[in-house]
């Protein structure tokens, strides 16, 4: 009979190697893009010139460098003295020099005093020259009336107060040492001479052509200025002479700094809290 050969034909699955399915990795989404700001319309005529503050570049802007300044010794002493006078208790006799004449009255007073400034050295030289010329020409005249001018100098003003010739005395508030004028208000009150404490020994000095003046006295004025002087003198008498008892009782100073005030306030709060806990 017939012979049959059997061949086993491999399937396609048997022929192909098995391939593992790899899951594709998900890529992270792109971060949120900030919406671009709408570009401002620039004027083509104006050129942008950014400043360069590096070495050799543009000049640095001005800054407040006062904190870093090594101040001269006299300035440091002034500031330390001012702070000390605030902190320490100041006796009434010294503290009275912090209470000065009000601005309006002071303006009127200085306006009046300016009319009676004494002559300068140059004016005196011209006057003596003219007098000498008249004498040489044989036209010598007798001595006329004394000019009505302001009187200054601590000894001169003191003698005028003692003789009750002074009609109004102006004392500077910033005399150093203060002992030079510390007794003058008491003397003015005793002799019944109107006085006032004004700001600035330099301001008083200007009236008499000096750098500074501790005290200036008005001895007399012209008839047209008498009413003005009387009004100012009355005001000064009310504010200074008649307030002698009040001035004697009023101490100054004792004003603490911000740090001390904060510390004291904190201590007070703690004390109040402890007291509240104790009570209830």
Protein backbone atom coordinates (compact mmCIF):
# COMPACT_ATOMS: atom_id res chain seq x y z
CA UNK A 1 0.00 0.00 0.00
CA UNK A 2 0.80 3.67 -0.12
CA UNK A 3 3.00 5.20 2.54
CA UNK A 4 2.13 8.64 4.03
CA UNK A 5 4.62 10.93 5.81
CA UNK A 6 3.26 13.24 8.48
CA UNK A 7 5.01 16.62 8.99
CA UNK A 8 4.17 18.87 11.89
CA UNK A 9 3.93 22.49 10.61
CA UNK A 10 4.72 24.99 13.40
CA UNK A 11 2.09 27.63 13.96
CA UNK A 12 2.88 31.32 13.50
CA UNK A 13 2.58 31.76 17.25
CA UNK A 14 5.21 29.13 17.82
CA UNK A 15 7.56 30.78 15.35
CA UNK A 16 7.37 34.41 16.68
CA UNK A 17 9.00 35.23 20.09
CA UNK A 18 6.78 36.67 22.75
CA UNK A 19 7.06 40.50 23.04
CA UNK A 20 6.31 42.19 26.33
CA UNK A 21 3.92 45.11 26.08
CA UNK A 22 5.58 48.23 27.66
CA UNK A 23 3.27 50.91 28.96
CA UNK A 24 4.26 54.32 27.65
CA UNK A 25 5.18 56.77 30.45
CA UNK A 26 2.96 59.79 30.74
CA UNK A 27 4.92 62.99 30.34
CA UNK A 28 4.23 65.62 33.00
CA UNK A 29 2.20 68.51 31.71
CA UNK A 30 4.05 71.73 31.03
CA UNK A 31 3.91 74.22 33.92
CA UNK A 32 1.32 76.97 33.76
CA UNK A 33 2.62 79.70 31.60
CA UNK A 34 2.15 83.13 33.05
CA UNK A 35 0.13 85.22 30.77
CA UNK A 36 2.46 87.65 29.13
CA UNK A 37 1.64 91.20 30.07
CA UNK A 38 0.49 93.29 27.25
CA UNK A 39 3.51 95.28 26.19
CA UNK A 40 3.11 98.95 26.94
CA UNK A 41 3.21 101.24 24.02
CA UNK A 42 6.45 103.15 24.19
CA UNK A 43 7.03 106.47 22.62
CA UNK A 44 9.62 106.00 19.85
CA UNK A 45 10.82 109.58 20.36
CA UNK A 46 11.87 108.90 23.99
CA UNK A 47 15.03 106.85 24.20
CA UNK A 48 15.44 104.53 27.21
CA UNK A 49 18.65 105.31 29.08
CA UNK A 50 19.01 103.03 32.15
CA UNK A 51 21.48 104.35 34.73
CA UNK A 52 24.60 102.40 35.62
CA UNK A 53 25.72 102.96 39.23
CA UNK A 54 28.88 100.83 39.05
CA UNK A 55 32.36 102.33 39.56
CA UNK A 56 32.96 105.13 37.11
CA UNK A 57 29.31 105.16 36.09
CA UNK A 58 26.45 107.47 36.98
CA UNK A 59 26.45 109.59 40.15
CA UNK A 60 24.85 107.81 43.11
CA UNK A 61 21.50 109.22 44.34
CA UNK A 62 21.62 111.35 47.49
CA UNK A 63 21.00 109.40 50.68
CA UNK A 64 20.60 110.47 54.30
CA UNK A 65 23.98 109.55 55.79
CA UNK A 66 23.66 111.62 58.98
CA UNK A 67 23.58 108.42 61.06
CA UNK A 68 27.02 107.45 59.79
CA UNK A 69 28.65 110.87 60.22
CA UNK A 70 31.34 111.23 62.88
CA UNK A 71 30.11 114.57 64.21
CA UNK A 72 32.55 117.10 65.73
CA UNK A 73 32.92 117.01 69.50
CA UNK A 74 31.14 120.35 70.08
CA UNK A 75 28.06 119.07 68.24
CA UNK A 76 28.06 115.82 70.23
CA UNK A 77 28.34 117.81 73.46
CA UNK A 78 25.42 120.04 72.43
CA UNK A 79 23.24 117.02 71.71
CA UNK A 80 24.27 115.19 74.90
CA UNK A 81 23.56 118.31 76.96
CA UNK A 82 20.13 118.70 75.36
CA UNK A 83 19.30 115.05 76.11
CA UNK A 84 20.57 115.34 79.71
CA UNK A 85 18.45 118.44 80.31
CA UNK A 86 15.43 116.44 79.14
CA UNK A 87 16.19 113.41 81.32
CA UNK A 88 17.34 115.05 84.59
CA UNK A 89 15.07 117.04 86.86
CA UNK A 90 15.75 120.73 86.19
CA UNK A 91 15.27 123.21 89.07
CA UNK A 92 12.68 125.99 88.54
CA UNK A 93 15.35 128.74 88.49
CA UNK A 94 16.97 127.17 85.41
CA UNK A 95 13.75 125.82 83.90
CA UNK A 96 12.27 129.35 83.61
CA UNK A 97 14.63 129.95 80.65
CA UNK A 98 12.74 127.37 78.59
CA UNK A 99 9.57 129.53 78.75
CA UNK A 100 10.22 132.25 76.20
CA UNK A 101 8.18 135.14 74.84
CA UNK A 102 5.53 134.14 72.29
CA UNK A 103 6.35 134.57 68.63
CA UNK A 104 3.94 137.42 67.85
CA UNK A 105 5.02 139.64 70.76
CA UNK A 106 8.70 138.85 70.12
CA UNK A 107 8.31 139.96 66.50
CA UNK A 108 6.82 143.31 67.60
CA UNK A 109 9.52 143.74 70.26
CA UNK A 110 12.41 143.12 67.87
CA UNK A 111 10.82 145.39 65.27
CA UNK A 112 10.70 148.17 67.87
CA UNK A 113 14.22 147.45 69.18
CA UNK A 114 15.62 147.53 65.64
CA UNK A 115 14.81 151.26 65.42
CA UNK A 116 17.08 152.00 68.41
CA UNK A 117 20.20 150.11 67.45
CA UNK A 118 23.42 151.82 68.59
CA UNK A 119 25.78 153.21 65.96
CA UNK A 120 28.41 150.98 64.38
CA UNK A 121 32.16 151.60 64.60
CA UNK A 122 32.17 152.95 61.06
CA UNK A 123 29.31 155.38 61.81
CA UNK A 124 31.07 156.54 64.99
CA UNK A 125 34.29 157.16 63.03
CA UNK A 126 32.42 159.31 60.47
CA UNK A 127 30.67 161.27 63.27
CA UNK A 128 33.93 162.00 65.12
CA UNK A 129 35.61 162.98 61.86
CA UNK A 130 32.84 165.47 61.08
CA UNK A 131 33.00 166.87 64.63
CA UNK A 132 36.78 167.31 64.33
CA UNK A 133 36.37 169.05 60.96
CA UNK A 134 33.82 171.48 62.43
CA UNK A 135 36.12 172.17 65.37
CA UNK A 136 39.06 172.96 63.05
CA UNK A 137 36.83 175.27 61.02
CA UNK A 138 35.77 177.10 64.18
CA UNK A 139 32.14 175.98 63.90
CA UNK A 140 32.18 173.96 67.10
CA UNK A 141 28.72 173.33 68.54
CA UNK A 142 27.76 172.34 72.06
CA UNK A 143 27.06 168.70 72.82
CA UNK A 144 23.53 167.86 71.69
CA UNK A 145 21.06 165.49 73.27
CA UNK A 146 22.20 161.95 73.90
CA UNK A 147 20.82 159.55 71.27
CA UNK A 148 18.15 157.12 72.51
CA UNK A 149 19.64 153.68 71.90
CA UNK A 150 19.59 150.14 73.33
CA UNK A 151 21.87 149.44 76.28
CA UNK A 152 23.79 146.16 76.51
CA UNK A 153 26.49 144.50 78.59
CA UNK A 154 25.57 142.51 81.69
CA UNK A 155 27.08 144.99 84.20
CA UNK A 156 25.57 148.02 82.49
CA UNK A 157 22.11 146.44 82.25
CA UNK A 158 22.32 145.37 85.94
CA UNK A 159 23.07 148.95 87.07
CA UNK A 160 20.18 150.25 84.93
CA UNK A 161 17.79 147.75 86.59
CA UNK A 162 19.03 148.70 90.06
CA UNK A 163 18.52 152.41 89.28
CA UNK A 164 15.09 151.60 87.74
CA UNK A 165 16.11 153.36 84.53
CA UNK A 166 15.40 150.35 82.31
CA UNK A 167 11.87 150.34 80.85
CA UNK A 168 12.12 146.79 79.46
CA UNK A 169 14.85 144.13 79.74
CA UNK A 170 15.35 141.35 77.20
CA UNK A 171 17.27 138.29 78.47
CA UNK A 172 18.57 135.55 76.15
CA UNK A 173 17.36 132.00 76.86
CA UNK A 174 20.54 130.19 75.76
CA UNK A 175 23.30 131.92 77.78
CA UNK A 176 26.15 129.57 78.66
CA UNK A 177 27.07 129.37 81.53
CA UNK A 178 23.52 130.11 82.68
CA UNK A 179 24.83 131.53 86.00
CA UNK A 180 25.60 134.82 84.21
CA UNK A 181 21.89 135.70 83.98
CA UNK A 182 20.20 133.21 86.34
CA UNK A 183 19.61 135.90 89.00
CA UNK A 184 18.43 138.65 86.63
CA UNK A 185 14.69 137.72 86.48
CA UNK A 186 14.55 137.80 90.32
CA UNK A 187 16.24 141.23 90.34
CA UNK A 188 13.79 142.56 87.72
CA UNK A 189 10.81 141.31 89.78
CA UNK A 190 12.23 142.88 92.94
CA UNK A 191 12.84 146.27 91.28
CA UNK A 192 9.53 146.18 89.35
CA UNK A 193 11.20 146.36 85.95
CA UNK A 194 9.36 144.51 83.14
CA UNK A 195 11.51 141.74 81.67
CA UNK A 196 11.12 138.94 79.13
CA UNK A 197 13.14 135.90 78.10
CA UNK A 198 13.61 135.80 74.33
CA UNK A 199 15.06 133.20 72.02
CA UNK A 200 18.61 133.71 70.94
CA UNK A 201 21.66 135.46 72.34
CA UNK A 202 22.76 135.77 68.70
CA UNK A 203 19.49 137.52 67.85
CA UNK A 204 20.06 140.01 70.68
CA UNK A 205 23.68 140.42 69.57
CA UNK A 206 22.53 141.41 66.08
CA UNK A 207 20.61 144.35 67.59
CA UNK A 208 23.80 145.79 69.11
CA UNK A 209 26.28 144.82 66.34
CA UNK A 210 27.85 141.98 68.32
CA UNK A 211 28.04 138.21 67.86
CA UNK A 212 26.01 137.59 71.00
CA UNK A 213 24.45 139.57 73.84
CA UNK A 214 23.21 138.10 77.15
CA UNK A 215 20.81 140.96 77.95
CA UNK A 216 19.62 144.16 76.29
CA UNK A 217 17.71 147.00 77.98
CA UNK A 218 15.40 149.58 76.45
CA UNK A 219 15.92 152.81 78.39
CA UNK A 220 13.69 155.11 76.35
CA UNK A 221 11.91 155.54 73.03
CA UNK A 222 10.61 158.38 70.88
CA UNK A 223 7.14 159.75 71.56
CA UNK A 224 5.60 157.93 68.55
CA UNK A 225 6.76 154.52 69.87
CA UNK A 226 5.71 154.98 73.52
CA UNK A 227 2.31 153.32 73.17
CA UNK A 228 3.86 150.34 71.38
CA UNK A 229 6.49 149.94 74.14
CA UNK A 230 3.84 150.23 76.87
CA UNK A 231 1.74 147.47 75.30
CA UNK A 232 4.73 145.13 75.00
CA UNK A 233 5.90 145.96 78.55
CA UNK A 234 2.40 145.22 79.91
CA UNK A 235 2.36 141.89 78.10
CA UNK A 236 5.82 141.01 79.47
CA UNK A 237 4.78 141.99 82.99
CA UNK A 238 1.74 139.70 82.83
CA UNK A 239 3.66 136.74 81.38
CA UNK A 240 6.85 137.00 83.42
CA UNK A 241 6.88 139.44 86.37
CA UNK A 242 3.44 138.52 87.75
CA UNK A 243 4.03 134.77 87.41
CA UNK A 244 6.93 134.68 89.89
CA UNK A 245 5.25 132.27 92.34
CA UNK A 246 4.16 129.92 89.56
CA UNK A 247 7.65 129.92 87.99
CA UNK A 248 9.23 129.10 91.37
CA UNK A 249 7.15 125.91 91.68
CA UNK A 250 7.48 124.59 88.13
CA UNK A 251 10.26 122.00 87.74
CA UNK A 252 11.49 120.85 84.36
CA UNK A 253 13.01 117.73 82.79
CA UNK A 254 12.11 114.15 83.73
CA UNK A 255 11.23 113.29 80.12
CA UNK A 256 12.42 109.75 79.44
CA UNK A 257 13.36 108.23 76.08
CA UNK A 258 11.28 105.80 73.98
CA UNK A 259 13.10 102.70 75.29
CA UNK A 260 12.65 103.65 78.95
CA UNK A 261 8.97 104.50 78.42
CA UNK A 262 8.42 101.13 76.70
CA UNK A 263 10.15 99.28 79.56
CA UNK A 264 8.15 101.10 82.25
CA UNK A 265 4.89 100.43 80.36
CA UNK A 266 5.76 96.72 80.11
CA UNK A 267 6.51 96.54 83.84
CA UNK A 268 3.21 98.26 84.60
CA UNK A 269 1.31 95.74 82.46
CA UNK A 270 2.99 92.79 84.23
CA UNK A 271 2.22 94.35 87.63
CA UNK A 272 -1.43 94.91 86.64
CA UNK A 273 -1.74 91.30 85.40
CA UNK A 274 -0.29 89.93 88.66
CA UNK A 275 -2.63 92.13 90.66
CA UNK A 276 -5.64 90.87 88.65
CA UNK A 277 -4.62 87.22 89.22
CA UNK A 278 -4.22 87.85 92.95
CA UNK A 279 -7.63 89.46 93.16
CA UNK A 280 -9.57 86.91 91.27
